[in-house]
Amino acid sequence: MGVAEGTWRCSDAGAVIAERLRLGGGKPVHTVRADVGILQQRLIAEASAAIARGQVGAALIIGGESRARDRAIVKAGGEATQTPGPDGAEPDEVIHPAGELMSEVELERDLATPATQYAIVEDALAQADGIDRAALRRRLGELWFGFAAVAADNPTAWDRSAPSGRTIVATEGGNRMVADPYTRSLCSQWNVDAASALVLTSVEVADRLGVPPGQRIAVEATVESNLILPLPQRAELQRWPAFEVVAGALATHCGVPVDGGLGAEVVDLYACFPSAVQVQARALGLPLDAARLTVTGGMTFAGGPLNNAALASTVAVVERLRHLATAGGSARGLVTAISGMLTKPGAMMLSSSTSPTRFAALDVTDEATDRSPALPVDPDLAGEAVIVGATVIPTFEGIRRAVAVVGSTASGGVRRRSVVTSDRDVVASSIAELGGAGRVVTLDGMGGFNLS
């Protein structure tokens, strides 16, 4: 029994569910919790590997959140309750992250919010493509309009209203700006009630239970990198070498090309923010066409619960593959996962083939580390620098703050990075209107900057 940690607190959620479902036939059920910072895909990888080794015959992977319910109860003046779990109980196994997902300078200088980091990546993408802010907003509106349309046909999606592209990018009707150019309708929505469950079994157990071949979906491979490289240290914000390594390893194992989406007929990319989708799609050689990138509608519209989004994507891809199998023939499904801010990537290949590729769980952290140059970060960097990516965020004080990752080259030729902010309205207005990446700025050596 594998459970992804959520915003709730329960001593051993797996044990609670096992008891309520009367699992184990009177024997103890081995429970596993993956803490926040561990890819949700990891639970599937661990269970699949245990089944392949013959250690277990079946496993249940679950995730669920009830933040919408909790918020509604609190808004009505009540107190949201939680299931505490058995007294003093702990899971039999806990998977902890190897390190912190975020550096100190990110926490101190307004980079702790996911929307802020992904908006900065968006700025870097726009500069790399040579498009202005108006063209960027059109691109975002068209991309997320497509995701909204997919969600409208997804019966389990949280928001099936299918807003227009213009509505998605416009700051009207409560659609506030979160981190320019990201409005609320361009951000992951985690205040949802959602849950998913996956049952994995050996072939022998499936045979014994009489599961029809057409209903069986094989896990061919899971690949992940656990390299933690904070945003300011990355040589290129618009690329993700670790994800490229993951995709390459999956391609090699399954005998398919990376370009065109690893040969998968069904794809669901981890879609927390548009820049995450674009970075992954480019690495996989996929067009920015929602119909090729998602079957759920993404985390804005299908919902992005903290511990459940990748599991929900897996369920949706499995269902689509079963439908294709029923129609005749076999197909592959690709599901990707992200932990942190484009920090830890994962990808998984599923297949409805009756003779799938032999399963493997691959960890490519070492190769990802070799392929991901890390630049030194100097919080006290002063003098002239160039913006690598920037955004503008609203503050609790009612002002707009520009937040930028900047780069400078020292006299010895060493590239250095820093994270800087500015509360000057002229700076925030200029970056919101024209973008930030590529512009020259002057740093004061204390974490502030001004446009040169």
Protein backbone atom coordinates (compact mmCIF):
# COMPACT_ATOMS: atom_id res chain seq x y z
CA MET A 1 0.00 0.00 0.00
CA GLY A 2 1.65 3.22 -1.16
CA VAL A 3 0.42 6.69 -0.20
CA ALA A 4 1.74 10.06 -1.35
CA GLU A 5 1.98 12.58 1.49
CA GLY A 6 -0.54 15.42 1.23
CA THR A 7 -1.59 18.62 2.93
CA TRP A 8 -3.49 16.51 5.48
CA ARG A 9 -1.92 14.88 8.51
CA CYS A 10 -2.57 11.23 9.22
CA SER A 11 -0.13 9.00 11.08
CA ASP A 12 -0.52 6.10 8.63
CA ALA A 13 -3.08 6.74 5.89
CA GLY A 14 -2.23 3.44 4.23
CA ALA A 15 -3.16 1.49 7.37
CA VAL A 16 -6.47 3.37 7.67
CA ILE A 17 -7.43 2.61 4.08
CA ALA A 18 -6.30 -1.02 4.31
CA GLU A 19 -8.50 -1.49 7.37
CA ARG A 20 -11.53 0.16 5.78
CA LEU A 21 -11.16 -1.88 2.59
CA ARG A 22 -10.45 -5.06 4.61
CA LEU A 23 -7.25 -5.75 2.74
CA GLY A 24 -4.64 -8.34 3.63
CA GLY A 25 -6.94 -11.26 4.44
CA GLY A 26 -6.25 -10.87 8.14
CA LYS A 27 -2.52 -10.35 7.63
CA PRO A 28 -0.72 -7.02 8.09
CA VAL A 29 -0.50 -4.83 4.98
CA HIS A 30 2.91 -3.29 4.29
CA THR A 31 2.41 0.48 4.11
CA VAL A 32 4.66 3.03 2.41
CA ARG A 33 4.51 6.83 2.46
CA ALA A 34 6.31 9.02 -0.06
CA ASP A 35 7.00 12.40 1.52
CA VAL A 36 6.52 15.71 -0.29
CA GLY A 37 9.58 16.14 -2.49
CA ILE A 38 9.40 12.56 -3.79
CA LEU A 39 7.97 12.01 -7.27
CA GLN A 40 4.51 10.43 -7.05
CA GLN A 41 5.69 8.13 -9.84
CA ARG A 42 8.23 6.70 -7.39
CA LEU A 43 5.48 4.77 -5.58
CA ILE A 44 4.52 3.08 -8.85
CA ALA A 45 8.18 2.33 -9.58
CA GLU A 46 8.77 0.80 -6.13
CA ALA A 47 5.62 -1.32 -6.29
CA SER A 48 6.32 -2.49 -9.85
CA ALA A 49 9.90 -3.43 -8.93
CA ALA A 50 8.72 -5.40 -5.88
CA ILE A 51 6.21 -7.26 -8.03
CA ALA A 52 8.86 -7.96 -10.71
CA ARG A 53 11.17 -9.40 -8.01
CA GLY A 54 8.38 -11.64 -6.76
CA GLN A 55 8.29 -10.00 -3.33
CA VAL A 56 4.60 -9.10 -3.58
CA GLY A 57 1.77 -10.13 -5.85
CA ALA A 58 -0.22 -6.91 -5.78
CA ALA A 59 0.00 -3.32 -4.61
CA LEU A 60 -2.38 -0.39 -4.20
CA ILE A 61 -1.17 3.18 -4.85
CA ILE A 62 -3.40 6.02 -3.68
CA GLY A 63 -3.51 9.78 -3.32
CA GLY A 64 -6.21 12.20 -2.32
CA GLU A 65 -6.93 15.74 -1.12
CA SER A 66 -10.00 17.55 0.19
CA ARG A 67 -8.85 21.17 0.26
CA ALA A 68 -12.04 22.46 -1.38
CA ARG A 69 -14.15 20.77 1.29
CA ASP A 70 -11.92 22.09 4.05
CA ARG A 71 -12.05 25.67 2.72
CA ALA A 72 -15.83 25.52 2.40
CA ILE A 73 -16.19 24.31 6.00
CA VAL A 74 -13.91 27.05 7.35
CA LYS A 75 -15.69 29.71 5.24
CA ALA A 76 -18.99 28.61 6.79
CA GLY A 77 -17.53 29.06 10.28
CA GLY A 78 -16.80 25.41 10.98
CA GLU A 79 -13.63 23.47 11.63
CA ALA A 80 -12.36 20.99 9.07
CA THR A 81 -11.56 17.66 10.71
CA GLN A 82 -9.06 15.02 9.65
CA THR A 83 -8.67 11.30 10.24
CA PRO A 84 -5.79 11.05 12.73
CA GLY A 85 -4.95 7.41 12.07
CA PRO A 86 -4.05 4.72 14.61
CA ASP A 87 -2.42 5.98 17.80
CA GLY A 88 1.34 6.19 17.41
CA ALA A 89 1.24 4.36 14.10
CA GLU A 90 3.80 5.04 11.40
CA PRO A 91 4.08 3.53 7.92
CA ASP A 92 6.32 0.49 7.62
CA GLU A 93 8.41 2.44 5.15
CA VAL A 94 8.87 6.16 4.52
CA ILE A 95 10.62 7.54 1.43
CA HIS A 96 12.30 10.85 2.28
CA PRO A 97 13.77 13.34 -0.20
CA ALA A 98 17.57 13.38 -0.26
CA GLY A 99 17.82 17.15 0.19
CA GLU A 100 15.99 20.46 0.27
CA LEU A 101 14.16 21.38 -2.92
CA MET A 102 14.94 25.08 -2.59
CA SER A 103 18.03 27.13 -1.75
CA GLU A 104 18.25 29.81 0.91
CA VAL A 105 18.51 32.67 -1.57
CA GLU A 106 15.29 31.51 -3.27
CA LEU A 107 13.45 31.48 0.05
CA GLU A 108 14.77 34.89 1.04
CA ARG A 109 14.10 36.68 -2.25
CA ASP A 110 10.54 35.82 -3.23
CA LEU A 111 11.21 32.66 -5.23
CA ALA A 112 9.41 30.33 -2.82
CA THR A 113 6.13 30.42 -4.76
CA PRO A 114 5.88 28.01 -7.70
CA ALA A 115 4.07 30.54 -9.91
CA THR A 116 6.97 32.98 -9.51
CA GLN A 117 9.61 30.47 -10.59
CA TYR A 118 7.63 29.13 -13.52
CA ALA A 119 6.82 32.69 -14.67
CA ILE A 120 10.55 33.44 -14.70
CA VAL A 121 11.11 30.37 -16.89
CA GLU A 122 8.30 31.67 -19.13
CA ASP A 123 10.18 34.96 -19.53
CA ALA A 124 13.32 33.06 -20.51
CA LEU A 125 11.36 31.02 -23.08
CA ALA A 126 9.93 34.20 -24.63
CA GLN A 127 13.37 35.76 -24.92
CA ALA A 128 14.82 32.59 -26.48
CA ASP A 129 12.00 32.60 -29.05
CA GLY A 130 12.30 36.33 -29.74
CA ILE A 131 8.66 37.13 -29.02
CA ASP A 132 7.27 40.22 -27.28
CA ARG A 133 4.84 40.29 -24.37
CA ALA A 134 1.74 40.53 -26.58
CA ALA A 135 2.80 37.46 -28.57
CA LEU A 136 3.63 35.63 -25.35
CA ARG A 137 0.15 36.24 -23.94
CA ARG A 138 -1.41 35.04 -27.19
CA ARG A 139 0.67 31.86 -27.00
CA LEU A 140 -0.34 31.26 -23.39
CA GLY A 141 -4.01 31.88 -24.13
CA GLU A 142 -4.02 29.48 -27.08
CA LEU A 143 -2.12 26.75 -25.21
CA TRP A 144 -4.24 26.87 -22.05
CA PHE A 145 -7.47 27.24 -24.06
CA GLY A 146 -6.59 23.88 -25.58
CA PHE A 147 -6.02 22.37 -22.14
CA ALA A 148 -9.35 23.78 -20.93
CA ALA A 149 -11.10 22.20 -23.93
CA VAL A 150 -9.62 18.79 -23.07
CA ALA A 151 -10.75 19.21 -19.44
CA ALA A 152 -14.27 20.00 -20.63
CA ASP A 153 -14.44 16.44 -22.01
CA ASN A 154 -12.88 14.91 -18.90
CA PRO A 155 -15.68 13.79 -16.54
CA THR A 156 -13.38 13.94 -13.49
CA ALA A 157 -11.96 17.43 -14.21
CA TRP A 158 -12.48 20.03 -11.49
CA ASP A 159 -13.23 22.90 -13.92
CA ARG A 160 -15.05 21.96 -17.13
CA SER A 161 -16.16 25.50 -18.03
CA ALA A 162 -13.79 25.76 -21.05
CA PRO A 163 -12.94 29.49 -20.83
CA SER A 164 -11.64 31.25 -23.93
CA GLY A 165 -7.98 32.05 -24.41
CA ARG A 166 -8.69 35.76 -23.95
CA THR A 167 -10.49 35.10 -20.67
CA ILE A 168 -7.61 32.96 -19.43
CA VAL A 169 -4.97 35.70 -19.87
CA ALA A 170 -7.14 38.77 -19.05
CA THR A 171 -7.11 40.19 -15.50
CA GLU A 172 -10.88 40.55 -15.29
CA GLY A 173 -13.63 39.00 -13.20
CA GLY A 174 -11.38 37.98 -10.34
CA ASN A 175 -8.74 36.45 -12.61
CA ARG A 176 -5.95 38.31 -10.82
CA MET A 177 -2.34 38.43 -11.87
CA VAL A 178 -0.31 36.00 -9.75
CA ALA A 179 3.13 36.32 -11.34
CA ASP A 180 3.27 38.16 -14.64
CA PRO A 181 2.35 36.89 -17.24
CA TYR A 182 0.52 34.23 -15.20
CA THR A 183 -3.02 35.00 -14.18
CA ARG A 184 -4.87 32.74 -11.77
CA SER A 185 -6.23 30.82 -14.79
CA LEU A 186 -2.68 29.96 -15.87
CA CYS A 187 -1.72 28.45 -12.51
CA SER A 188 -2.16 25.04 -10.95
CA GLN A 189 -5.31 24.80 -8.81
CA TRP A 190 -4.78 22.75 -5.66
CA ASN A 191 -7.93 23.72 -3.76
CA VAL A 192 -9.82 20.71 -5.05
CA ASP A 193 -11.40 17.51 -3.79
CA ALA A 194 -9.76 14.68 -5.72
CA ALA A 195 -8.49 11.15 -5.27
CA SER A 196 -6.94 8.42 -7.39
CA ALA A 197 -6.10 4.74 -6.97
CA LEU A 198 -4.01 2.35 -9.00
CA VAL A 199 -3.96 -1.43 -8.55
CA LEU A 200 -0.80 -3.16 -9.73
CA THR A 201 -0.48 -6.95 -9.89
CA SER A 202 1.78 -9.64 -11.27
CA VAL A 203 0.69 -11.49 -14.41
CA GLU A 204 0.03 -14.55 -12.25
CA VAL A 205 -2.34 -12.65 -9.95
CA ALA A 206 -4.12 -11.09 -12.93
CA ASP A 207 -4.56 -14.57 -14.44
CA ARG A 208 -5.91 -15.93 -11.16
CA LEU A 209 -8.38 -13.05 -10.87
CA GLY A 210 -9.52 -13.49 -14.45
CA VAL A 211 -8.58 -10.00 -15.62
CA PRO A 212 -9.12 -9.96 -19.43
CA PRO A 213 -5.93 -9.34 -21.45
CA GLY A 214 -7.50 -6.24 -23.03
CA GLN A 215 -7.92 -4.67 -19.60
CA ARG A 216 -4.29 -5.16 -18.58
CA ILE A 217 -1.94 -2.21 -18.96
CA ALA A 218 1.74 -2.95 -18.42
CA VAL A 219 4.24 -0.61 -16.82
CA GLU A 220 7.18 -0.91 -19.23
CA ALA A 221 9.54 1.47 -17.47
CA THR A 222 9.85 4.29 -14.99
CA VAL A 223 12.76 6.74 -15.16
CA GLU A 224 13.61 9.48 -12.71
CA SER A 225 16.35 11.92 -11.76
CA ASN A 226 16.75 13.11 -8.19
CA LEU A 227 19.25 15.86 -8.93
CA ILE A 228 18.35 19.03 -7.02
CA LEU A 229 19.63 22.06 -8.93
CA PRO A 230 17.97 25.32 -7.80
CA LEU A 231 16.69 27.67 -10.49
CA PRO A 232 19.36 30.38 -10.03
CA GLN A 233 22.17 27.87 -10.65
CA ARG A 234 20.89 26.60 -13.99
CA ALA A 235 22.90 27.55 -17.08
CA GLU A 236 19.75 27.86 -19.22
CA LEU A 237 16.35 28.45 -17.66
CA GLN A 238 14.44 27.51 -20.82
CA ARG A 239 15.96 24.01 -20.95
CA TRP A 240 15.90 21.11 -18.51
CA PRO A 241 18.86 18.77 -19.13
CA ALA A 242 17.74 16.34 -16.40
CA PHE A 243 14.41 15.82 -18.17
CA GLU A 244 16.22 15.33 -21.47
CA VAL A 245 18.31 12.59 -19.82
CA VAL A 246 15.14 10.94 -18.45
CA ALA A 247 13.52 11.00 -21.90
CA GLY A 248 16.65 9.57 -23.50
CA ALA A 249 16.84 6.69 -21.03
CA LEU A 250 13.17 5.85 -21.56
CA ALA A 251 13.69 5.92 -25.32
CA THR A 252 16.65 3.55 -25.09
CA HIS A 253 14.84 1.07 -22.86
CA CYS A 254 11.68 0.99 -24.97
CA GLY A 255 13.49 1.13 -28.32
CA VAL A 256 11.73 4.28 -29.53
CA PRO A 257 12.93 7.72 -30.68
CA VAL A 258 12.61 10.68 -28.32
CA ASP A 259 11.38 13.00 -31.06
CA GLY A 260 7.62 12.87 -31.48
CA GLY A 261 6.86 11.92 -27.88
CA LEU A 262 8.74 8.64 -27.47
CA GLY A 263 6.38 6.82 -29.81
CA ALA A 264 3.45 7.14 -27.39
CA GLU A 265 -0.04 7.45 -28.85
CA VAL A 266 -1.36 8.80 -25.53
CA VAL A 267 0.54 11.51 -23.63
CA ASP A 268 -0.13 13.38 -20.42
CA LEU A 269 2.60 15.85 -19.47
CA TYR A 270 2.79 17.18 -15.94
CA ALA A 271 1.00 20.48 -16.51
CA CYS A 272 1.29 22.66 -13.43
CA PHE A 273 2.18 25.81 -15.40
CA PRO A 274 2.55 26.58 -19.12
CA SER A 275 6.34 26.89 -19.02
CA ALA A 276 6.64 23.37 -17.57
CA VAL A 277 4.57 22.03 -20.46
CA GLN A 278 6.61 23.93 -23.05
CA VAL A 279 9.98 22.81 -21.69
CA GLN A 280 8.88 19.16 -21.68
CA ALA A 281 7.19 19.35 -25.10
CA ARG A 282 10.32 20.81 -26.70
CA ALA A 283 12.51 18.12 -25.20
CA LEU A 284 10.15 15.46 -26.58
CA GLY A 285 9.75 17.04 -30.01
CA LEU A 286 6.01 17.55 -29.53
CA PRO A 287 3.96 20.46 -30.91
CA LEU A 288 2.20 22.87 -28.55
CA ASP A 289 -1.10 21.18 -29.31
CA ALA A 290 -3.09 20.28 -26.20
CA ALA A 291 -4.60 17.23 -27.90
CA ARG A 292 -1.07 15.74 -28.10
CA LEU A 293 0.01 16.86 -24.63
CA THR A 294 -2.79 15.97 -22.21
CA VAL A 295 -5.75 13.67 -21.66
CA THR A 296 -6.76 15.26 -18.35
CA GLY A 297 -6.68 19.00 -19.14
CA GLY A 298 -3.78 19.81 -16.85
CA MET A 299 -3.61 20.98 -13.27
CA THR A 300 -5.42 24.30 -13.76
CA PHE A 301 -8.60 22.69 -15.03
CA ALA A 302 -8.45 18.98 -14.16
CA GLY A 303 -7.08 19.95 -10.75
CA GLY A 304 -3.63 19.91 -9.20
CA PRO A 305 -3.88 18.39 -5.71
CA LEU A 306 -0.56 18.29 -3.91
CA ASN A 307 -0.24 14.52 -3.75
CA ASN A 308 -2.40 13.29 -6.57
CA ALA A 309 -1.86 15.00 -9.95
CA ALA A 310 0.59 12.50 -11.46
CA LEU A 311 -1.48 9.58 -10.16
CA ALA A 312 -4.63 11.08 -11.71
CA SER A 313 -2.77 11.44 -15.01
CA THR A 314 -1.72 7.79 -14.84
CA VAL A 315 -5.31 6.68 -14.23
CA ALA A 316 -6.52 8.75 -17.20
CA VAL A 317 -3.84 7.36 -19.52
CA VAL A 318 -4.60 3.79 -18.40
CA GLU A 319 -8.29 4.31 -19.17
CA ARG A 320 -7.48 5.74 -22.62
CA LEU A 321 -5.16 2.82 -23.41
CA ARG A 322 -7.85 0.34 -22.38
CA HIS A 323 -10.29 2.07 -24.72
CA LEU A 324 -7.80 1.83 -27.59
CA ALA A 325 -7.16 -1.83 -26.80
CA THR A 326 -10.89 -2.54 -26.92
CA ALA A 327 -11.01 -0.91 -30.34
CA GLY A 328 -8.27 -3.28 -31.49
CA GLY A 329 -4.51 -3.06 -31.49
CA SER A 330 -2.02 -1.96 -28.86
CA ALA A 331 -0.76 1.47 -27.88
CA ARG A 332 1.69 3.14 -25.56
CA GLY A 333 1.05 5.87 -23.03
CA LEU A 334 3.56 8.38 -21.68
CA VAL A 335 3.08 10.06 -18.29
CA THR A 336 5.54 12.60 -16.91
CA ALA A 337 5.98 13.86 -13.36
CA ILE A 338 7.68 16.79 -11.67
CA SER A 339 8.77 17.32 -8.08
CA GLY A 340 9.71 20.87 -7.12
CA MET A 341 10.25 23.70 -9.60
CA LEU A 342 11.48 21.81 -12.68
CA THR A 343 13.69 20.08 -10.13
CA LYS A 344 13.14 16.30 -10.20
CA PRO A 345 11.72 14.89 -13.45
CA GLY A 346 10.11 11.52 -13.96
CA ALA A 347 8.60 9.71 -16.95
CA MET A 348 6.76 6.43 -17.25
CA MET A 349 5.83 4.31 -20.25
CA LEU A 350 2.66 2.24 -20.17
CA SER A 351 1.54 -0.26 -22.80
CA SER A 352 -1.55 -2.22 -23.75
CA SER A 353 0.59 -4.67 -25.74
CA THR A 354 0.30 -8.36 -24.89
CA SER A 355 4.10 -8.57 -25.15
CA PRO A 356 5.37 -5.35 -23.53
CA THR A 357 8.99 -4.43 -22.96
CA ARG A 358 10.38 -6.04 -19.81
CA PHE A 359 9.93 -3.67 -16.84
CA ALA A 360 12.77 -1.54 -15.51
CA ALA A 361 12.94 1.20 -12.89
CA LEU A 362 15.80 3.49 -13.86
CA ASP A 363 17.47 6.23 -11.83
CA VAL A 364 19.54 8.57 -14.03
CA THR A 365 20.57 11.06 -11.35
CA ASP A 366 24.29 10.65 -12.05
CA GLU A 367 23.98 11.28 -15.78
CA ALA A 368 21.61 14.19 -15.17
CA THR A 369 24.19 15.71 -12.82
CA ASP A 370 26.89 15.38 -15.48
CA ARG A 371 24.65 17.06 -18.06
CA SER A 372 23.49 19.91 -15.81
CA PRO A 373 26.18 22.55 -15.27
CA ALA A 374 25.75 24.44 -11.98
CA LEU A 375 26.69 28.11 -11.84
CA PRO A 376 27.80 29.77 -8.58
CA VAL A 377 25.27 32.05 -6.90
CA ASP A 378 26.39 35.24 -5.16
CA PRO A 379 23.64 36.95 -3.11
CA ASP A 380 25.85 40.06 -2.84
CA LEU A 381 26.58 40.37 -6.56
CA ALA A 382 27.01 44.05 -7.52
CA GLY A 383 27.48 46.08 -10.68
CA GLU A 384 26.23 45.41 -14.18
CA ALA A 385 24.38 42.18 -14.93
CA VAL A 386 21.92 40.74 -17.46
CA ILE A 387 18.47 39.40 -16.58
CA VAL A 388 18.15 35.70 -17.34
CA GLY A 389 14.46 35.61 -16.42
CA ALA A 390 12.09 37.90 -14.51
CA THR A 391 8.52 38.33 -13.35
CA VAL A 392 6.39 40.83 -11.45
CA ILE A 393 4.38 39.74 -8.41
CA PRO A 394 1.87 41.53 -6.16
CA THR A 395 2.89 41.90 -2.51
CA PHE A 396 0.86 41.95 0.70
CA GLU A 397 1.76 45.64 0.98
CA GLY A 398 -0.19 46.36 -2.21
CA ILE A 399 2.79 47.09 -4.43
CA ARG A 400 4.22 45.25 -7.42
CA ARG A 401 7.65 43.69 -6.99
CA ALA A 402 9.97 42.70 -9.81
CA VAL A 403 11.88 39.47 -9.13
CA ALA A 404 14.74 38.49 -11.42
CA VAL A 405 17.42 35.86 -11.84
CA VAL A 406 20.46 37.68 -13.19
CA GLY A 407 23.85 36.68 -14.56
CA SER A 408 27.22 38.37 -14.59
CA THR A 409 30.69 37.38 -15.78
CA ALA A 410 33.59 37.99 -13.42
CA SER A 411 36.97 39.24 -14.63
CA GLY A 412 38.27 35.68 -14.60
CA GLY A 413 35.55 34.57 -17.01
CA VAL A 414 33.46 32.77 -14.38
CA ARG A 415 29.73 33.20 -14.84
CA ARG A 416 27.89 34.02 -11.65
CA ARG A 417 24.22 34.29 -10.78
CA SER A 418 22.08 36.10 -8.25
CA VAL A 419 18.44 36.66 -7.37
CA VAL A 420 17.41 40.31 -7.04
CA THR A 421 14.21 42.27 -6.49
CA SER A 422 12.95 45.81 -7.04
CA ASP A 423 9.92 47.60 -5.60
CA ARG A 424 10.29 50.55 -7.98
CA ASP A 425 7.06 50.90 -9.93
CA VAL A 426 8.90 52.04 -13.04
CA VAL A 427 10.92 48.80 -12.99
CA ALA A 428 7.91 46.56 -12.39
CA SER A 429 5.87 48.34 -15.08
CA SER A 430 8.66 48.07 -17.64
CA ILE A 431 9.23 44.34 -17.05
CA ALA A 432 5.49 43.59 -17.13
CA GLU A 433 5.18 45.48 -20.43
CA LEU A 434 8.40 44.47 -22.18
CA GLY A 435 9.65 41.38 -20.35
CA GLY A 436 12.91 41.08 -18.50
CA ALA A 437 15.19 38.43 -20.01
CA GLY A 438 18.14 39.88 -21.89
CA ARG A 439 17.94 43.36 -20.38
CA VAL A 440 20.92 44.98 -18.67
CA VAL A 441 20.51 45.98 -15.03
CA THR A 442 22.57 47.47 -12.24
CA LEU A 443 22.81 45.54 -8.95
CA ASP A 444 23.30 47.34 -5.63
CA GLY A 445 25.08 44.43 -3.94
CA MET A 446 22.29 44.03 -1.37
CA GLY A 447 19.74 42.12 -3.40
CA GLY A 448 18.24 45.11 -5.22
CA PHE A 449 18.44 46.20 -8.84
CA ASN A 450 17.51 48.94 -11.27
CA LEU A 451 17.19 48.99 -15.04
CA SER A 452 20.29 50.38 -16.73
